[in-house]
């Protein structure tokens, strides 16, 4: 197994040590498990992923935000 070193702020290191002790496991084991979970977990969809089926479904001028004639009176 390959060994790596990481730097943790004192509060995170203390939390990890307490957690490992409470679970009767090593800190290395907890870090390995967290990394493995992160690697294998499916990514949570973002807003665009959830709404992708709606992209392009609204009809209107394509230059709505860049054409000054569409912005006349905006904010008044």
Protein backbone atom coordinates (compact mmCIF):
# COMPACT_ATOMS: atom_id res chain seq x y z
CA UNK A 1 0.00 0.00 0.00
CA UNK A 2 1.29 3.48 -0.88
CA UNK A 3 1.80 6.01 1.92
CA UNK A 4 0.88 9.68 1.60
CA UNK A 5 1.09 12.60 4.01
CA UNK A 6 -1.51 15.31 4.46
CA UNK A 7 -1.67 18.44 6.58
CA UNK A 8 -4.81 19.01 8.64
CA UNK A 9 -5.73 21.97 10.74
CA UNK A 10 -5.66 21.10 14.45
CA UNK A 11 -9.43 20.98 14.90
CA UNK A 12 -9.90 18.59 11.97
CA UNK A 13 -7.03 16.39 13.16
CA UNK A 14 -8.53 16.28 16.65
CA UNK A 15 -11.96 15.43 15.28
CA UNK A 16 -10.51 12.64 13.13
CA UNK A 17 -8.60 11.19 16.08
CA UNK A 18 -11.68 11.26 18.32
CA UNK A 19 -13.83 9.71 15.60
CA UNK A 20 -11.33 6.93 14.96
CA UNK A 21 -11.06 6.19 18.68
CA UNK A 22 -14.83 6.14 19.08
CA UNK A 23 -15.17 3.72 16.14
CA UNK A 24 -12.19 1.63 17.29
CA UNK A 25 -10.47 2.16 13.93
CA UNK A 26 -7.35 3.91 12.70
CA UNK A 27 -7.38 7.40 11.27
CA UNK A 28 -5.83 6.00 8.09
CA UNK A 29 -8.71 3.56 7.76
CA UNK A 30 -11.28 6.36 8.07
CA UNK A 31 -9.48 8.51 5.49
CA UNK A 32 -9.19 5.57 3.08
CA UNK A 33 -12.89 4.81 3.48
CA UNK A 34 -13.85 8.45 2.85
CA UNK A 35 -11.68 8.64 -0.26
CA UNK A 36 -13.03 5.36 -1.59
CA UNK A 37 -16.59 6.54 -0.99
CA UNK A 38 -15.85 9.80 -2.83
CA UNK A 39 -14.34 7.89 -5.75
CA UNK A 40 -17.23 5.47 -6.17
CA UNK A 41 -20.17 7.75 -5.30
CA UNK A 42 -22.22 9.02 -8.19
CA UNK A 43 -21.88 12.74 -8.65
CA UNK A 44 -24.90 14.72 -7.51
CA UNK A 45 -26.58 16.43 -10.46
CA UNK A 46 -26.32 20.20 -10.67
CA UNK A 47 -29.17 22.55 -11.62
CA UNK A 48 -28.34 22.40 -15.33
CA UNK A 49 -28.35 18.59 -15.29
CA UNK A 50 -31.78 18.56 -13.65
CA UNK A 51 -33.26 21.13 -16.05
CA UNK A 52 -31.46 20.07 -19.25
CA UNK A 53 -34.65 18.78 -20.85
CA UNK A 54 -35.98 22.36 -20.78
CA UNK A 55 -32.98 23.97 -22.46
CA UNK A 56 -34.03 25.46 -25.80
CA UNK A 57 -37.73 25.01 -25.13
CA UNK A 58 -38.50 28.72 -24.70
CA UNK A 59 -39.07 30.68 -27.89
CA UNK A 60 -38.19 34.34 -28.21
CA UNK A 61 -35.46 36.63 -29.47
CA UNK A 62 -32.03 35.04 -29.24
CA UNK A 63 -30.35 38.36 -28.52
CA UNK A 64 -32.55 39.32 -25.57
CA UNK A 65 -29.71 40.23 -23.20
CA UNK A 66 -27.39 41.88 -25.73
CA UNK A 67 -29.65 43.90 -28.03
CA UNK A 68 -30.29 47.41 -26.61
CA UNK A 69 -33.78 47.60 -28.14
CA UNK A 70 -34.94 44.81 -25.80
CA UNK A 71 -33.64 46.73 -22.77
CA UNK A 72 -35.50 50.00 -23.41
CA UNK A 73 -37.31 51.07 -20.28
CA UNK A 74 -35.78 48.27 -18.19
CA UNK A 75 -35.43 49.29 -14.54
CA UNK A 76 -37.73 52.33 -14.78
